[in-house]
Protein backbone atom coordinates (compact mmCIF):
# COMPACT_ATOMS: atom_id res chain seq x y z
CA UNK A 1 0.00 0.00 0.00
CA UNK A 2 2.88 2.35 0.86
CA UNK A 3 4.41 1.76 -2.60
CA UNK A 4 1.11 2.62 -4.29
CA UNK A 5 0.82 5.86 -2.30
CA UNK A 6 4.36 6.87 -3.22
CA UNK A 7 3.75 6.12 -6.89
CA UNK A 8 0.54 8.16 -6.93
CA UNK A 9 2.28 11.09 -5.23
CA UNK A 10 5.10 10.99 -7.76
CA UNK A 11 2.61 11.00 -10.66
CA UNK A 12 0.73 13.97 -9.17
CA UNK A 13 3.98 15.86 -8.56
CA UNK A 14 5.13 15.23 -12.11
CA UNK A 15 1.78 16.41 -13.50
CA UNK A 16 1.85 19.59 -11.40
CA UNK A 17 5.39 20.35 -12.50
CA UNK A 18 4.49 19.93 -16.15
CA UNK A 19 1.31 22.05 -15.99
CA UNK A 20 2.86 25.26 -14.55
CA UNK A 21 0.78 25.58 -11.41
CA UNK A 22 -0.13 29.13 -10.38
CA UNK A 23 1.79 29.47 -7.12
CA UNK A 24 1.39 33.21 -6.49
CA UNK A 25 0.28 34.27 -3.03
CA UNK A 26 -3.38 35.01 -3.66
CA UNK A 27 -6.98 34.53 -2.60
CA UNK A 28 -9.33 32.74 -4.97
CA UNK A 29 -12.53 33.60 -3.08
CA UNK A 30 -13.32 37.30 -2.41
CA UNK A 31 -14.80 36.45 1.00
CA UNK A 32 -11.27 35.78 2.27
CA UNK A 33 -9.19 38.85 3.09
CA UNK A 34 -6.26 40.19 5.12
CA UNK A 35 -3.98 37.20 4.66
CA UNK A 36 -0.75 37.51 6.67
CA UNK A 37 2.05 35.01 7.20
CA UNK A 38 4.53 35.98 9.89
CA UNK A 39 7.25 34.49 12.06
CA UNK A 40 5.87 34.59 15.60
CA UNK A 41 3.73 37.66 14.70
CA UNK A 42 6.78 39.70 13.60
CA UNK A 43 5.61 41.41 10.39
CA UNK A 44 9.16 42.53 9.50
CA UNK A 45 10.60 39.01 9.39
CA UNK A 46 10.90 37.27 6.02
CA UNK A 47 8.59 34.17 6.18
CA UNK A 48 11.43 31.67 6.42
CA UNK A 49 11.75 28.90 9.02
CA UNK A 50 14.81 26.79 9.72
CA UNK A 51 14.80 23.02 9.76
CA UNK A 52 16.86 23.02 12.97
CA UNK A 53 14.76 25.63 14.83
CA UNK A 54 11.28 24.27 15.66
CA UNK A 55 10.57 27.23 17.94
CA UNK A 56 10.54 29.77 15.10
CA UNK A 57 7.09 29.04 13.74
CA UNK A 58 4.93 30.52 11.03
CA UNK A 59 1.56 32.01 11.89
CA UNK A 60 -1.05 32.28 9.14
CA UNK A 61 -3.91 34.70 9.85
CA UNK A 62 -6.84 35.55 7.59
CA UNK A 63 -10.47 36.65 7.68
CA UNK A 64 -13.59 35.28 6.09
CA UNK A 65 -16.35 37.87 5.59
CA UNK A 66 -19.21 35.75 6.89
CA UNK A 67 -21.45 35.25 9.92
CA UNK A 68 -20.36 31.72 10.76
CA UNK A 69 -17.17 29.71 10.55
CA UNK A 70 -16.22 27.36 7.75
CA UNK A 71 -14.51 24.01 8.24
CA UNK A 72 -11.16 24.62 6.63
CA UNK A 73 -7.99 22.62 6.15
CA UNK A 74 -4.41 23.38 5.14
CA UNK A 75 -1.90 21.49 3.00
CA UNK A 76 1.61 22.04 1.64
CA UNK A 77 3.14 21.87 -1.84
CA UNK A 78 6.93 21.66 -2.07
CA UNK A 79 8.41 23.82 -4.84
CA UNK A 80 11.76 24.45 -6.47
CA UNK A 81 13.41 27.87 -6.59
CA UNK A 82 11.17 28.84 -9.55
CA UNK A 83 8.07 28.20 -7.39
CA UNK A 84 6.98 25.24 -9.49
CA UNK A 85 6.32 21.90 -7.72
CA UNK A 86 9.36 19.72 -7.22
CA UNK A 87 9.52 16.02 -8.04
CA UNK A 88 9.38 15.01 -4.38
CA UNK A 89 6.40 13.00 -3.21
CA UNK A 90 4.39 14.18 -0.21
CA UNK A 91 5.90 11.64 2.24
CA UNK A 92 9.35 12.94 1.27
CA UNK A 93 8.68 16.58 2.15
CA UNK A 94 6.00 16.53 4.88
CA UNK A 95 5.70 14.58 8.10
CA UNK A 96 2.36 12.86 8.60
CA UNK A 97 -0.68 13.31 6.38
CA UNK A 98 -0.55 16.40 4.20
CA UNK A 99 -3.68 17.95 5.63
CA UNK A 100 -4.53 19.66 8.90
CA UNK A 101 -7.74 21.14 10.26
CA UNK A 102 -7.77 24.89 10.98
CA UNK A 103 -9.40 24.95 14.39
CA UNK A 104 -8.24 28.29 15.84
CA UNK A 105 -10.89 30.88 14.97
CA UNK A 106 -12.80 33.80 16.49
CA UNK A 107 -15.71 36.06 15.61
CA UNK A 108 -15.37 39.80 15.06
CA UNK A 109 -16.58 41.97 17.93
CA UNK A 110 -18.38 45.34 17.70
CA UNK A 111 -17.70 45.74 13.97
CA UNK A 112 -20.05 46.86 11.22
CA UNK A 113 -18.54 44.29 8.86
CA UNK A 114 -18.85 40.82 10.37
CA UNK A 115 -16.09 38.29 9.82
CA UNK A 116 -14.39 35.21 11.22
CA UNK A 117 -10.65 35.38 11.88
CA UNK A 118 -8.65 32.15 11.52
CA UNK A 119 -5.15 31.33 12.69
CA UNK A 120 -2.94 28.41 11.74
CA UNK A 121 0.62 27.68 12.85
CA UNK A 122 3.49 25.75 11.28
CA UNK A 123 5.23 23.48 11.94
CA UNK A 124 2.83 21.38 13.98
CA UNK A 125 2.26 17.71 14.74
CA UNK A 126 1.05 16.01 11.60
CA UNK A 127 2.12 18.81 9.25
CA UNK A 128 5.83 19.46 9.47
CA UNK A 129 8.18 20.23 6.55
CA UNK A 130 10.98 17.68 6.27
CA UNK A 131 13.24 19.30 3.67
CA UNK A 132 14.33 22.78 2.69
CA UNK A 133 12.94 24.73 -0.25
CA UNK A 134 9.98 26.85 -1.28
CA UNK A 135 6.56 25.88 0.04
CA UNK A 136 3.04 26.83 -0.91
CA UNK A 137 0.54 26.77 1.97
CA UNK A 138 -2.97 26.23 0.63
CA UNK A 139 -6.28 26.56 2.47
CA UNK A 140 -9.40 24.74 1.27
CA UNK A 141 -12.84 23.73 2.50
CA UNK A 142 -12.87 20.24 4.00
CA UNK A 143 -15.91 19.35 1.84
CA UNK A 144 -14.28 20.54 -1.40
CA UNK A 145 -10.52 19.83 -1.38
CA UNK A 146 -10.18 20.44 -5.13
CA UNK A 147 -11.07 24.14 -4.73
CA UNK A 148 -8.29 26.19 -3.16
CA UNK A 149 -9.62 29.24 -1.30
CA UNK A 150 -6.31 30.98 -0.67
CA UNK A 151 -2.60 30.27 -0.80
CA UNK A 152 0.58 31.93 0.39
CA UNK A 153 4.30 31.34 0.05
CA UNK A 154 7.00 30.60 2.62
CA UNK A 155 10.47 29.07 2.69
CA UNK A 156 12.34 26.48 4.74
CA UNK A 157 16.12 26.82 4.96
CA UNK A 158 18.95 24.50 6.00
CA UNK A 159 21.96 25.62 7.98
CA UNK A 160 24.23 25.15 4.97
CA UNK A 161 25.65 28.58 4.23
CA UNK A 162 26.41 31.84 5.99
CA UNK A 163 25.74 34.93 3.85
CA UNK A 164 27.14 38.39 4.47
CA UNK A 165 26.68 41.42 2.27
CA UNK A 166 26.03 45.10 1.80
CA UNK A 167 24.08 47.45 -0.50
CA UNK A 168 24.77 51.10 -1.22
CA UNK A 169 24.68 53.80 -3.88
CA UNK A 170 28.21 53.26 -5.20
CA UNK A 171 27.61 51.17 -8.30
CA UNK A 172 29.43 50.16 -11.46
CA UNK A 173 27.13 52.48 -13.43
CA UNK A 174 26.93 55.58 -11.25
CA UNK A 175 27.99 57.08 -7.93
CA UNK A 176 25.26 58.03 -5.45
CA UNK A 177 22.68 58.71 -8.19
CA UNK A 178 19.59 56.55 -8.70
CA UNK A 179 20.90 52.97 -8.32
CA UNK A 180 22.01 50.58 -5.60
CA UNK A 181 24.48 47.70 -5.86
CA UNK A 182 24.97 44.66 -3.67
CA UNK A 183 28.06 42.65 -2.84
CA UNK A 184 27.78 39.21 -1.26
CA UNK A 185 30.06 36.68 0.42
CA UNK A 186 28.77 33.15 0.95
CA UNK A 187 30.60 30.69 3.22
CA UNK A 188 29.51 27.01 3.10
CA UNK A 189 29.05 25.24 6.44
CA UNK A 190 28.39 21.66 7.44
CA UNK A 191 27.95 18.85 4.94
CA UNK A 192 26.88 21.10 2.05
CA UNK A 193 30.44 22.27 1.37
CA UNK A 194 31.26 19.54 -1.18
CA UNK A 195 29.77 21.00 -4.36
CA UNK A 196 30.88 23.01 -7.36
CA UNK A 197 29.90 26.65 -6.72
CA UNK A 198 30.15 27.44 -10.44
CA UNK A 199 27.63 24.79 -11.52
CA UNK A 200 25.63 23.58 -8.50
CA UNK A 201 25.01 26.83 -6.63
CA UNK A 202 22.89 29.84 -7.58
CA UNK A 203 21.74 32.90 -5.66
CA UNK A 204 18.38 34.68 -5.80
CA UNK A 205 17.81 38.29 -4.72
CA UNK A 206 14.50 40.11 -4.15
CA UNK A 207 14.06 43.82 -3.52
CA UNK A 208 11.37 44.70 -0.95
CA UNK A 209 9.70 41.27 -1.34
CA UNK A 210 8.38 42.11 -4.80
CA UNK A 211 8.37 38.89 -6.90
CA UNK A 212 8.99 40.73 -10.19
CA UNK A 213 12.34 42.04 -8.90
CA UNK A 214 13.80 38.53 -8.62
CA UNK A 215 17.40 38.29 -9.88
CA UNK A 216 19.24 34.99 -10.31
CA UNK A 217 23.05 34.84 -10.16
CA UNK A 218 24.16 31.62 -11.84
CA UNK A 219 27.85 31.81 -11.00
CA UNK A 220 30.01 33.64 -8.46
CA UNK A 221 32.50 36.33 -9.39
CA UNK A 222 35.41 34.53 -7.71
CA UNK A 223 36.55 32.40 -4.79
CA UNK A 224 38.35 34.03 -1.88
CA UNK A 225 39.62 31.42 0.52
CA UNK A 226 36.59 29.53 1.76
CA UNK A 227 34.23 32.33 0.72
CA UNK A 228 32.24 32.49 -2.51
CA UNK A 229 32.14 36.10 -3.70
CA UNK A 230 29.43 37.80 -5.76
CA UNK A 231 30.31 41.35 -6.78
CA UNK A 232 30.48 43.60 -9.87
CA UNK A 233 27.77 41.69 -11.71
CA UNK A 234 24.85 43.34 -13.56
CA UNK A 235 22.38 41.25 -11.56
CA UNK A 236 23.53 42.95 -8.37
CA UNK A 237 22.43 46.42 -9.52
CA UNK A 238 18.88 47.55 -8.70
CA UNK A 239 16.96 50.80 -9.19
CA UNK A 240 16.94 52.81 -5.97
CA UNK A 241 13.13 53.40 -6.08
CA UNK A 242 11.68 55.32 -3.12
CA UNK A 243 10.40 54.89 0.41
CA UNK A 244 6.87 53.53 0.66
CA UNK A 245 3.95 55.84 1.32
CA UNK A 246 1.98 55.39 4.54
CA UNK A 247 -1.46 55.84 6.04
CA UNK A 248 -3.25 54.81 9.26
CA UNK A 249 -6.88 53.93 9.89
CA UNK A 250 -6.58 52.81 13.52
CA UNK A 251 -9.59 55.05 14.33
CA UNK A 252 -12.74 55.06 12.25
CA UNK A 253 -14.03 58.39 13.61
CA UNK A 254 -10.88 60.47 13.21
CA UNK A 255 -8.55 60.87 10.21
CA UNK A 256 -5.17 59.37 10.95
CA UNK A 257 -1.86 59.83 9.15
CA UNK A 258 -2.37 60.21 5.39
CA UNK A 259 -6.18 60.30 5.70
CA UNK A 260 -8.17 63.34 4.55
CA UNK A 261 -11.48 62.39 6.14
CA UNK A 262 -13.53 59.53 7.54
CA UNK A 263 -17.29 59.11 7.48
CA UNK A 264 -19.92 56.43 7.92
CA UNK A 265 -21.89 55.57 4.80
CA UNK A 266 -24.17 52.59 5.26
CA UNK A 267 -23.15 49.82 5.73
CA UNK A 268 -19.52 50.70 6.69
CA UNK A 269 -17.03 53.45 7.42
CA UNK A 270 -15.11 55.13 4.59
CA UNK A 271 -11.63 56.66 4.68
CA UNK A 272 -10.61 59.05 1.91
CA UNK A 273 -6.82 59.26 1.74
CA UNK A 274 -5.07 62.53 1.03
CA UNK A 275 -4.43 63.11 -2.67
CA UNK A 276 -1.12 61.69 -3.80
CA UNK A 277 1.07 63.05 -6.58
CA UNK A 278 4.00 61.57 -8.53
CA UNK A 279 7.39 61.81 -6.81
CA UNK A 280 9.61 60.93 -9.77
CA UNK A 281 10.97 64.47 -10.10
CA UNK A 282 11.13 65.25 -6.39
CA UNK A 283 13.97 65.16 -3.89
CA UNK A 284 14.51 62.18 -1.62
CA UNK A 285 12.83 62.46 1.78
CA UNK A 286 13.79 60.03 4.53
CA UNK A 287 10.99 58.02 6.08
CA UNK A 288 11.05 54.97 8.31
CA UNK A 289 8.56 52.58 6.75
CA UNK A 290 7.57 48.92 6.90
CA UNK A 291 8.79 48.44 3.30
CA UNK A 292 5.41 47.55 1.91
CA UNK A 293 3.97 45.69 4.89
CA UNK A 294 0.97 46.44 7.06
CA UNK A 295 -0.08 45.88 10.66
CA UNK A 296 -3.67 45.39 11.77
CA UNK A 297 -4.55 47.73 14.64
CA UNK A 298 -7.53 49.41 16.30
CA UNK A 299 -6.84 52.00 18.98
CA UNK A 300 -9.52 50.80 21.42
CA UNK A 301 -9.25 47.04 20.96
CA UNK A 302 -7.30 44.54 23.07
CA UNK A 303 -7.38 42.08 20.16
CA UNK A 304 -7.27 43.95 16.81
CA UNK A 305 -7.57 40.72 14.85
CA UNK A 306 -11.18 40.55 16.10
CA UNK A 307 -11.86 44.18 16.99
CA UNK A 308 -10.62 46.00 13.89
CA UNK A 309 -13.34 46.86 11.38
CA UNK A 310 -13.22 46.89 7.59
CA UNK A 311 -13.15 50.41 6.14
CA UNK A 312 -13.76 51.30 2.51
CA UNK A 313 -10.45 52.98 1.66
CA UNK A 314 -10.19 55.43 -1.24
CA UNK A 315 -6.82 56.03 -2.95
CA UNK A 316 -6.42 59.19 -5.08
CA UNK A 317 -3.45 59.78 -7.38
CA UNK A 318 -3.53 63.13 -9.17
CA UNK A 319 -1.64 62.97 -12.49
CA UNK A 320 -2.07 62.73 -16.24
CA UNK A 321 -3.21 59.41 -17.64
CA UNK A 322 -0.46 57.07 -18.79
CA UNK A 323 -1.35 55.62 -22.21
CA UNK A 324 -1.10 51.86 -22.89
CA UNK A 325 -0.40 51.09 -19.24
CA UNK A 326 -2.22 50.39 -15.98
CA UNK A 327 -1.49 51.87 -12.58
CA UNK A 328 -1.72 49.67 -9.48
CA UNK A 329 -1.50 50.15 -5.74
CA UNK A 330 1.27 47.79 -4.59
CA UNK A 331 2.22 46.26 -1.25
CA UNK A 332 1.44 43.40 1.10
CA UNK A 333 -2.11 44.74 1.38
CA UNK A 334 -2.66 43.17 -2.07
CA UNK A 335 -0.30 40.20 -1.59
CA UNK A 336 2.22 41.80 -4.00
CA UNK A 337 0.01 40.91 -6.95
CA UNK A 338 -1.49 42.89 -9.84
CA UNK A 339 -5.12 42.16 -10.60
CA UNK A 340 -8.50 43.86 -10.91
CA UNK A 341 -8.56 44.21 -7.12
CA UNK A 342 -5.73 46.77 -7.01
CA UNK A 343 -5.85 48.22 -10.53
CA UNK A 344 -6.74 51.92 -10.45
CA UNK A 345 -9.35 53.61 -12.65
CA UNK A 346 -8.67 56.92 -14.37
CA UNK A 347 -11.16 59.78 -14.06
CA UNK A 348 -10.55 62.25 -16.92
CA UNK A 349 -12.87 64.84 -15.37
CA UNK A 350 -10.88 64.81 -12.14
CA UNK A 351 -7.46 64.26 -13.65
CA UNK A 352 -6.66 61.42 -11.30
CA UNK A 353 -6.46 57.68 -10.79
CA UNK A 354 -8.75 56.25 -8.11
CA UNK A 355 -9.16 52.96 -6.28
CA UNK A 356 -11.70 52.03 -3.60
CA UNK A 357 -11.23 48.84 -1.63
CA UNK A 358 -12.22 47.52 1.82
CA UNK A 359 -9.22 47.25 4.14
CA UNK A 360 -9.07 46.20 7.76
CA UNK A 361 -8.10 48.95 10.20
CA UNK A 362 -4.38 49.34 10.71
CA UNK A 363 -1.12 50.94 9.57
CA UNK A 364 -0.36 50.45 5.88
CA UNK A 365 2.50 50.89 3.43
CA UNK A 366 1.89 51.23 -0.29
CA UNK A 367 3.31 52.60 -3.51
CA UNK A 368 2.11 53.16 -7.07
CA UNK A 369 3.45 51.03 -9.91
CA UNK A 370 3.02 51.23 -13.67
CA UNK A 371 2.50 48.05 -15.68
CA UNK A 372 2.52 48.29 -19.50
CA UNK A 373 -0.32 46.41 -21.12
CA UNK A 374 2.07 44.69 -23.52
CA UNK A 375 2.81 41.08 -22.66
CA UNK A 376 5.62 40.15 -20.28
CA UNK A 377 6.28 43.72 -19.17
CA UNK A 378 7.10 43.91 -15.44
CA UNK A 379 5.45 46.38 -13.09
CA UNK A 380 7.69 49.35 -12.29
CA UNK A 381 7.24 51.94 -9.50
CA UNK A 382 10.01 54.25 -10.75
CA UNK A 383 7.86 56.14 -13.27
CA UNK A 384 5.66 57.48 -10.46
CA UNK A 385 7.76 57.06 -7.31
CA UNK A 386 11.21 57.91 -8.71
CA UNK A 387 14.64 56.43 -7.96
CA UNK A 388 16.95 57.48 -5.13
CA UNK A 389 20.18 55.84 -3.99
CA UNK A 390 19.36 56.86 -0.39
CA UNK A 391 16.27 54.62 -0.16
CA UNK A 392 16.45 52.09 2.69
CA UNK A 393 15.54 49.15 0.52
CA UNK A 394 15.37 45.62 1.87
CA UNK A 395 17.08 42.84 -0.09
CA UNK A 396 16.30 39.19 0.64
CA UNK A 397 19.07 36.84 -0.48
CA UNK A 398 18.59 33.08 -0.96
CA UNK A 399 21.34 30.55 -1.71
CA UNK A 400 20.11 27.52 -3.68
CA UNK A 401 21.81 24.19 -4.31
CA UNK A 402 20.94 22.08 -7.35
CA UNK A 403 23.28 19.11 -7.66
CA UNK A 404 23.30 16.66 -10.62
CA UNK A 405 20.55 14.05 -10.33
CA UNK A 406 18.65 15.83 -7.56
CA UNK A 407 14.86 15.98 -7.72
CA UNK A 408 14.44 19.21 -5.75
CA UNK A 409 16.29 22.45 -5.12
CA UNK A 410 17.71 22.88 -1.62
CA UNK A 411 17.68 26.24 0.13
CA UNK A 412 20.94 26.25 2.09
CA UNK A 413 21.16 29.84 3.28
CA UNK A 414 19.36 33.16 3.46
CA UNK A 415 19.83 36.65 4.81
CA UNK A 416 18.26 40.09 4.70
CA UNK A 417 20.31 43.17 3.79
CA UNK A 418 19.15 46.74 4.37
CA UNK A 419 20.69 49.30 2.04
CA UNK A 420 22.85 51.90 3.80
CA UNK A 421 23.81 54.58 1.28
């Protein structure tokens, strides 16, 4: 029986790999909102857990806009560095059965919009990752396992490499202008040291957690003793972009930071944000932000996850229309995706882009990005937000190992670098 299960899992994994599964962090049902995945409730921590540190757990939190709870379950899909399913079978990458009931839930209290908040932690008994790599955490209804309701990404890392690095405005293209450049030093540790760094190792870099900024370095620049050095490569140079914009809706009866006014319009509160304008031609202004993240909060609640209300939030961007392109509001508030949910609409009579969307009360970061309508064109914030070498960008670095004959990529090291111009 065990052999049959393994064979079926291998067939399913092979099919998923061949069919290019959509593995973006996203919600498939509009009733589900405010999806966060944190390390022990620390919103600033990259969602990465270590195989040798069971105490550093992931906490998934999300809301369902409904009056009563649903019976939900969670499962894992193991992926390679490209976020497509690996060839590993479920028993090879997860301990126990690959399903777990989501039993931690609570009902909203004293809110105009009623919802159920769910929490789910990893690792846990019966659902524990066994190997390193990228993972997709999917949530589904126990009565309909073929319909995924929401999914989000996280990573599991081995203790196989120590990574040090820096990022500043002194680049191979300019000096303290509009770019930033990284330099990295990777030192293998433990049993992962016996590999060819020029063929088996590759490094991935993300700027501010935005998937479209992913850079892959296929080979190091040189060896320096036991260290593997990455420097003076085009893939290490990023646009400086700008600090994220901010607003707060912790009170529904008083305009917080970045809010022009609040009012109640049946059946919920509305918050009209102050009009924004392009910053591409402006000077850099320092601001300490959450680099695109948000934190749920309500000034009078002891448990904001249940006491924060949903407020219809109105974004206003005053500028000329950009032809043959769409403008989006970007950040964790939209799971770093670009869809109809966060695409802005242009009002010619007002000379501005607008977006209205319900958001749970809290402190938010966001920025505006331009995405050309032509195929395969990445979203770019620089056209509206500008580029500054001084920006305190966050760079997440991942070291991947892909040895000959392996059926899955191994994540052997990771670090986070904050630019210091």
